[in-house]
PDB file of N, CA and C in Angstrom:
ATOM      1  N   UNK A   1      26.260  29.694 -34.141  1.00  0.00           N
ATOM      2  CA  UNK A   1      25.006  29.294 -33.494  1.00  0.00           C
ATOM      3  C   UNK A   1      24.172  30.720 -32.968  1.00  0.00           C
ATOM      4  N   UNK A   2      22.962  30.380 -32.929  1.00  0.00           N
ATOM      5  CA  UNK A   2      22.160  31.588 -32.722  1.00  0.00           C
ATOM      6  C   UNK A   2      22.000  31.588 -31.104  1.00  0.00           C
ATOM      7  N   UNK A   3      22.686  32.891 -30.370  1.00  0.00           N
ATOM      8  CA  UNK A   3      22.426  32.847 -28.942  1.00  0.00           C
ATOM      9  C   UNK A   3      20.920  33.445 -28.567  1.00  0.00           C
ATOM     10  N   UNK A   4      20.313  33.922 -29.484  1.00  0.00           N
ATOM     11  CA  UNK A   4      18.937  34.703 -28.844  1.00  0.00           C
ATOM     12  C   UNK A   4      17.807  33.701 -29.115  1.00  0.00           C
ATOM     13  N   UNK A   5      17.220  33.432 -28.085  1.00  0.00           N
ATOM     14  CA  UNK A   5      16.070  32.641 -27.956  1.00  0.00           C
ATOM     15  C   UNK A   5      14.903  33.086 -28.165  1.00  0.00           C
ATOM     16  N   UNK A   6      14.377  33.295 -29.079  1.00  0.00           N
ATOM     17  CA  UNK A   6      12.952  33.948 -29.639  1.00  0.00           C
ATOM     18  C   UNK A   6      11.915  33.011 -29.805  1.00  0.00           C
ATOM     19  N   UNK A   7      11.282  32.505 -28.750  1.00  0.00           N
ATOM     20  CA  UNK A   7      10.247  31.635 -29.010  1.00  0.00           C
ATOM     21  C   UNK A   7       8.787  32.224 -29.447  1.00  0.00           C
ATOM     22  N   UNK A   8       8.197  31.607 -30.326  1.00  0.00           N
ATOM     23  CA  UNK A   8       6.913  31.900 -30.670  1.00  0.00           C
ATOM     24  C   UNK A   8       5.665  31.674 -30.242  1.00  0.00           C
ATOM     25  N   UNK A   9       5.636  30.555 -29.250  1.00  0.00           N
ATOM     26  CA  UNK A   9       5.086  30.305 -28.169  1.00  0.00           C
ATOM     27  C   UNK A   9       5.631  30.575 -26.815  1.00  0.00           C
ATOM     28  N   UNK A  10       4.795  31.317 -25.915  1.00  0.00           N
ATOM     29  CA  UNK A  10       5.405  31.411 -24.703  1.00  0.00           C
ATOM     30  C   UNK A  10       4.208  30.253 -23.721  1.00  0.00           C
ATOM     31  N   UNK A  11       4.733  29.315 -23.343  1.00  0.00           N
ATOM     32  CA  UNK A  11       3.700  28.459 -22.836  1.00  0.00           C
ATOM     33  C   UNK A  11       4.535  28.194 -21.132  1.00  0.00           C
ATOM     34  N   UNK A  12       3.555  28.206 -20.368  1.00  0.00           N
ATOM     35  CA  UNK A  12       3.912  28.120 -18.786  1.00  0.00           C
ATOM     36  C   UNK A  12       3.499  26.545 -18.386  1.00  0.00           C
ATOM     37  N   UNK A  13       4.107  25.786 -18.211  1.00  0.00           N
ATOM     38  CA  UNK A  13       3.858  24.241 -17.761  1.00  0.00           C
ATOM     39  C   UNK A  13       3.655  24.567 -16.441  1.00  0.00           C
ATOM     40  N   UNK A  14       2.843  23.682 -15.630  1.00  0.00           N
ATOM     41  CA  UNK A  14       2.571  23.679 -14.432  1.00  0.00           C
ATOM     42  C   UNK A  14       2.828  22.112 -14.088  1.00  0.00           C
ATOM     43  N   UNK A  15       3.726  21.806 -12.902  1.00  0.00           N
ATOM     44  CA  UNK A  15       3.871  20.397 -12.713  1.00  0.00           C
ATOM     45  C   UNK A  15       2.620  20.018 -11.677  1.00  0.00           C
ATOM     46  N   UNK A  16       2.223  19.049 -12.262  1.00  0.00           N
ATOM     47  CA  UNK A  16       0.683  18.375 -11.483  1.00  0.00           C
ATOM     48  C   UNK A  16       1.033  17.070 -11.181  1.00  0.00           C
ATOM     49  N   UNK A  17       0.548  16.638 -10.343  1.00  0.00           N
ATOM     50  CA  UNK A  17       0.844  15.248  -9.774  1.00  0.00           C
ATOM     51  C   UNK A  17      -0.017  14.336 -10.519  1.00  0.00           C
ATOM     52  N   UNK A  18       0.088  13.204 -11.085  1.00  0.00           N
ATOM     53  CA  UNK A  18      -0.792  12.581 -11.755  1.00  0.00           C
ATOM     54  C   UNK A  18      -1.506  11.634 -10.637  1.00  0.00           C
ATOM     55  N   UNK A  19      -2.608  10.772 -11.021  1.00  0.00           N
ATOM     56  CA  UNK A  19      -3.517  10.062 -10.084  1.00  0.00           C
ATOM     57  C   UNK A  19      -2.832   8.947  -9.682  1.00  0.00           C
ATOM     58  N   UNK A  20      -1.926   8.279 -10.542  1.00  0.00           N
ATOM     59  CA  UNK A  20      -1.044   7.331  -9.930  1.00  0.00           C
ATOM     60  C   UNK A  20      -0.294   7.777  -8.945  1.00  0.00           C
ATOM     61  N   UNK A  21       0.354   8.741  -8.882  1.00  0.00           N
ATOM     62  CA  UNK A  21       1.279   9.169  -7.950  1.00  0.00           C
ATOM     63  C   UNK A  21       0.701   9.527  -6.580  1.00  0.00           C
ATOM     64  N   UNK A  22      -0.479  10.236  -6.808  1.00  0.00           N
ATOM     65  CA  UNK A  22      -1.419  10.334  -5.745  1.00  0.00           C
ATOM     66  C   UNK A  22      -1.846   9.152  -4.859  1.00  0.00           C
ATOM     67  N   UNK A  23      -2.355   8.039  -5.701  1.00  0.00           N
ATOM     68  CA  UNK A  23      -2.691   6.996  -5.271  1.00  0.00           C
ATOM     69  C   UNK A  23      -1.642   6.015  -4.647  1.00  0.00           C
ATOM     70  N   UNK A  24      -0.219   6.225  -5.119  1.00  0.00           N
ATOM     71  CA  UNK A  24       0.846   5.557  -4.495  1.00  0.00           C
ATOM     72  C   UNK A  24       1.244   6.204  -3.147  1.00  0.00           C
ATOM     73  N   UNK A  25       0.976   7.446  -3.091  1.00  0.00           N
ATOM     74  CA  UNK A  25       1.450   8.326  -1.927  1.00  0.00           C
ATOM     75  C   UNK A  25       0.670   7.693  -0.764  1.00  0.00           C
ATOM     76  N   UNK A  26      -0.975   7.823  -1.195  1.00  0.00           N
ATOM     77  CA  UNK A  26      -1.948   7.352  -0.154  1.00  0.00           C
ATOM     78  C   UNK A  26      -1.540   5.874   0.256  1.00  0.00           C
ATOM     79  N   UNK A  27      -1.125   4.993  -0.311  1.00  0.00           N
ATOM     80  CA  UNK A  27      -1.099   3.509  -0.187  1.00  0.00           C
ATOM     81  C   UNK A  27       0.271   3.593   0.836  1.00  0.00           C
ATOM     82  N   UNK A  28       1.537   4.204   0.221  1.00  0.00           N
ATOM     83  CA  UNK A  28       2.442   4.173   1.051  1.00  0.00           C
ATOM     84  C   UNK A  28       2.362   4.661   2.470  1.00  0.00           C
ATOM     85  N   UNK A  29       1.598   5.662   2.613  1.00  0.00           N
ATOM     86  CA  UNK A  29       1.206   6.356   3.696  1.00  0.00           C
ATOM     87  C   UNK A  29       0.504   5.418   4.534  1.00  0.00           C
ATOM     88  N   UNK A  30      -0.415   4.776   3.945  1.00  0.00           N
ATOM     89  CA  UNK A  30      -1.260   3.945   4.864  1.00  0.00           C
ATOM     90  C   UNK A  30      -0.201   2.613   5.452  1.00  0.00           C
ATOM     91  N   UNK A  31       0.695   2.336   4.553  1.00  0.00           N
ATOM     92  CA  UNK A  31       1.481   1.098   5.245  1.00  0.00           C
ATOM     93  C   UNK A  31       2.198   1.360   6.068  1.00  0.00           C
ATOM     94  N   UNK A  32       3.005   2.941   5.867  1.00  0.00           N
ATOM     95  CA  UNK A  32       3.522   3.259   6.846  1.00  0.00           C
ATOM     96  C   UNK A  32       2.629   3.557   8.305  1.00  0.00           C
ATOM     97  N   UNK A  33       1.433   3.857   8.239  1.00  0.00           N
ATOM     98  CA  UNK A  33       0.730   3.879   9.537  1.00  0.00           C
ATOM     99  C   UNK A  33       0.866   2.794  10.033  1.00  0.00           C
ATOM    100  N   UNK A  34       0.234   1.587   9.311  1.00  0.00           N
ATOM    101  CA  UNK A  34       0.216   0.186   9.929  1.00  0.00           C
ATOM    102  C   UNK A  34       1.716  -0.368  10.217  1.00  0.00           C
ATOM    103  N   UNK A  35       2.759   0.108   9.791  1.00  0.00           N
ATOM    104  CA  UNK A  35       4.023  -0.351  10.227  1.00  0.00           C
ATOM    105  C   UNK A  35       4.314   0.261  11.577  1.00  0.00           C
ATOM    106  N   UNK A  36       3.763   1.443  11.559  1.00  0.00           N
ATOM    107  CA  UNK A  36       3.951   2.321  12.861  1.00  0.00           C
ATOM    108  C   UNK A  36       3.204   1.661  14.101  1.00  0.00           C
ATOM    109  N   UNK A  37       1.889   0.997  13.958  1.00  0.00           N
ATOM    110  CA  UNK A  37       1.374   0.638  14.582  1.00  0.00           C
ATOM    111  C   UNK A  37       1.889  -0.774  15.385  1.00  0.00           C
ATOM    112  N   UNK A  38       2.503  -1.556  14.316  1.00  0.00           N
ATOM    113  CA  UNK A  38       3.106  -2.699  14.922  1.00  0.00           C
ATOM    114  C   UNK A  38       4.134  -2.333  15.854  1.00  0.00           C
ATOM    115  N   UNK A  39       4.704  -1.394  15.324  1.00  0.00           N
ATOM    116  CA  UNK A  39       6.229  -1.059  16.099  1.00  0.00           C
ATOM    117  C   UNK A  39       5.773  -0.584  17.435  1.00  0.00           C
ATOM    118  N   UNK A  40       4.427   0.060  17.802  1.00  0.00           N
ATOM    119  CA  UNK A  40       4.341   0.518  18.939  1.00  0.00           C
ATOM    120  C   UNK A  40       4.531  -0.538  20.035  1.00  0.00           C
ATOM    121  N   UNK A  41       3.724  -1.682  19.774  1.00  0.00           N
ATOM    122  CA  UNK A  41       3.767  -2.951  20.763  1.00  0.00           C
ATOM    123  C   UNK A  41       3.889  -4.100  20.117  1.00  0.00           C
ATOM    124  N   UNK A  42       5.152  -4.421  19.623  1.00  0.00           N
ATOM    125  CA  UNK A  42       5.333  -5.224  18.878  1.00  0.00           C
ATOM    126  C   UNK A  42       5.000  -6.765  19.457  1.00  0.00           C
ATOM    127  N   UNK A  43       5.046  -6.877  20.610  1.00  0.00           N
ATOM    128  CA  UNK A  43       4.864  -8.254  21.252  1.00  0.00           C
ATOM    129  C   UNK A  43       3.320  -8.573  21.193  1.00  0.00           C
ATOM    130  N   UNK A  44       2.764  -7.668  21.735  1.00  0.00           N
ATOM    131  CA  UNK A  44       1.249  -7.799  21.657  1.00  0.00           C
ATOM    132  C   UNK A  44       0.698  -8.017  20.243  1.00  0.00           C
ATOM    133  N   UNK A  45       1.366  -7.164  19.286  1.00  0.00           N
ATOM    134  CA  UNK A  45       0.858  -7.696  17.800  1.00  0.00           C
ATOM    135  C   UNK A  45       1.088  -8.582  17.328  1.00  0.00           C
ATOM    136  N   UNK A  46       2.282  -9.426  17.741  1.00  0.00           N
ATOM    137  CA  UNK A  46       2.849 -10.624  17.069  1.00  0.00           C
ATOM    138  C   UNK A  46       1.782 -11.931  17.694  1.00  0.00           C
ATOM    139  N   UNK A  47       1.383 -11.630  18.823  1.00  0.00           N
ATOM    140  CA  UNK A  47       0.278 -12.797  19.304  1.00  0.00           C
ATOM    141  C   UNK A  47      -0.959 -12.593  18.498  1.00  0.00           C
ATOM    142  N   UNK A  48      -1.404 -11.387  18.116  1.00  0.00           N
ATOM    143  CA  UNK A  48      -2.691 -11.121  17.290  1.00  0.00           C
ATOM    144  C   UNK A  48      -2.371 -11.806  15.847  1.00  0.00           C
ATOM    145  N   UNK A  49      -1.185 -11.494  15.134  1.00  0.00           N
ATOM    146  CA  UNK A  49      -0.678 -12.011  13.897  1.00  0.00           C
ATOM    147  C   UNK A  49      -0.743 -13.664  13.923  1.00  0.00           C
ATOM    148  N   UNK A  50      -0.181 -14.283  15.016  1.00  0.00           N
ATOM    149  CA  UNK A  50      -0.077 -15.807  14.975  1.00  0.00           C
ATOM    150  C   UNK A  50      -1.629 -16.159  15.184  1.00  0.00           C
ATOM    151  N   UNK A  51      -2.588 -15.647  15.867  1.00  0.00           N
ATOM    152  CA  UNK A  51      -3.770 -16.053  16.028  1.00  0.00           C
ATOM    153  C   UNK A  51      -4.411 -15.939  14.673  1.00  0.00           C
ATOM    154  N   UNK A  52      -4.235 -14.982  14.143  1.00  0.00           N
ATOM    155  CA  UNK A  52      -5.035 -14.591  12.770  1.00  0.00           C
ATOM    156  C   UNK A  52      -4.485 -15.762  11.589  1.00  0.00           C
ATOM    157  N   UNK A  53      -3.227 -15.949  11.898  1.00  0.00           N
ATOM    158  CA  UNK A  53      -2.808 -17.156  10.944  1.00  0.00           C
ATOM    159  C   UNK A  53      -3.036 -18.699  11.126  1.00  0.00           C
ATOM    160  N   UNK A  54      -3.241 -18.591  12.525  1.00  0.00           N
ATOM    161  CA  UNK A  54      -3.621 -19.946  12.937  1.00  0.00           C
ATOM    162  C   UNK A  54      -5.277 -20.175  12.551  1.00  0.00           C
ATOM    163  N   UNK A  55      -6.138 -19.051  12.692  1.00  0.00           N
ATOM    164  CA  UNK A  55      -7.314 -19.186  12.409  1.00  0.00           C
ATOM    165  C   UNK A  55      -7.479 -19.509  10.934  1.00  0.00           C
ATOM    166  N   UNK A  56      -6.719 -18.953  10.235  1.00  0.00           N
ATOM    167  CA  UNK A  56      -6.677 -18.796   8.524  1.00  0.00           C
ATOM    168  C   UNK A  56      -6.320 -20.305   8.052  1.00  0.00           C
ATOM    169  N   UNK A  57      -5.287 -20.784   8.810  1.00  0.00           N
ATOM    170  CA  UNK A  57      -5.072 -22.246   8.534  1.00  0.00           C
ATOM    171  C   UNK A  57      -6.001 -23.203   8.779  1.00  0.00           C
ATOM    172  N   UNK A  58      -6.591 -23.114   9.905  1.00  0.00           N
ATOM    173  CA  UNK A  58      -7.730 -23.854  10.389  1.00  0.00           C
ATOM    174  C   UNK A  58      -8.910 -23.779   9.421  1.00  0.00           C
ATOM    175  N   UNK A  59      -9.116 -22.570   8.998  1.00  0.00           N
ATOM    176  CA  UNK A  59     -10.365 -22.324   7.737  1.00  0.00           C
ATOM    177  C   UNK A  59     -10.059 -23.233   6.533  1.00  0.00           C
ATOM    178  N   UNK A  60      -8.725 -23.242   6.174  1.00  0.00           N
ATOM    179  CA  UNK A  60      -8.367 -23.843   4.936  1.00  0.00           C
ATOM    180  C   UNK A  60      -8.540 -25.381   5.252  1.00  0.00           C
ATOM    181  N   UNK A  61      -8.010 -25.868   6.398  1.00  0.00           N
ATOM    182  CA  UNK A  61      -8.034 -27.182   6.830  1.00  0.00           C
ATOM    183  C   UNK A  61      -9.662 -27.621   6.527  1.00  0.00           C
ATOM    184  N   UNK A  62     -10.319 -26.847   7.323  1.00  0.00           N
ATOM    185  CA  UNK A  62     -11.878 -27.483   7.421  1.00  0.00           C
ATOM    186  C   UNK A  62     -12.562 -27.135   6.150  1.00  0.00           C
ATOM    187  N   UNK A  63     -11.910 -26.368   5.122  1.00  0.00           N
ATOM    188  CA  UNK A  63     -12.735 -26.467   3.845  1.00  0.00           C
ATOM    189  C   UNK A  63     -11.961 -27.649   3.014  1.00  0.00           C
ATOM    190  N   UNK A  64     -10.680 -28.058   3.029  1.00  0.00           N
ATOM    191  CA  UNK A  64     -10.258 -29.284   2.475  1.00  0.00           C
ATOM    192  C   UNK A  64     -11.065 -30.645   3.117  1.00  0.00           C
ATOM    193  N   UNK A  65     -11.074 -30.688   4.332  1.00  0.00           N
ATOM    194  CA  UNK A  65     -11.479 -32.048   4.830  1.00  0.00           C
ATOM    195  C   UNK A  65     -13.052 -32.196   5.131  1.00  0.00           C
ATOM    196  N   UNK A  66     -13.740 -31.165   5.274  1.00  0.00           N
ATOM    197  CA  UNK A  66     -15.109 -31.197   5.820  1.00  0.00           C
ATOM    198  C   UNK A  66     -16.010 -30.960   4.533  1.00  0.00           C
ATOM    199  N   UNK A  67     -16.777 -31.896   4.261  1.00  0.00           N
ATOM    200  CA  UNK A  67     -17.733 -32.157   2.932  1.00  0.00           C
ATOM    201  C   UNK A  67     -18.829 -31.107   3.022  1.00  0.00           C
ATOM    202  N   UNK A  68     -19.542 -30.864   4.223  1.00  0.00           N
ATOM    203  CA  UNK A  68     -20.311 -29.766   3.896  1.00  0.00           C
ATOM    204  C   UNK A  68     -19.814 -28.300   4.021  1.00  0.00           C
ATOM    205  N   UNK A  69     -18.688 -28.097   4.142  1.00  0.00           N
ATOM    206  CA  UNK A  69     -18.063 -26.664   3.885  1.00  0.00           C
ATOM    207  C   UNK A  69     -17.664 -26.499   2.629  1.00  0.00           C
ATOM    208  N   UNK A  70     -16.921 -27.732   1.937  1.00  0.00           N
ATOM    209  CA  UNK A  70     -16.462 -27.748   0.608  1.00  0.00           C
ATOM    210  C   UNK A  70     -17.665 -27.918  -0.466  1.00  0.00           C
TER     211      UNK A  70
END
């Protein structure tokens, strides 16, 4: 076998992050930031979460039963 590696082309490849990996990193950092805010004061945040869920369900019920909205 040939032990001497004599390349015809000398190419230097640079590792560059793709757009998809940059986008995923931004999304994951944003989700971590939201999760960190929730963990700062979980009791107060759960009240806001329950309130927003109730408001969303009320809007859906109004859309189903109210003729002027639908």
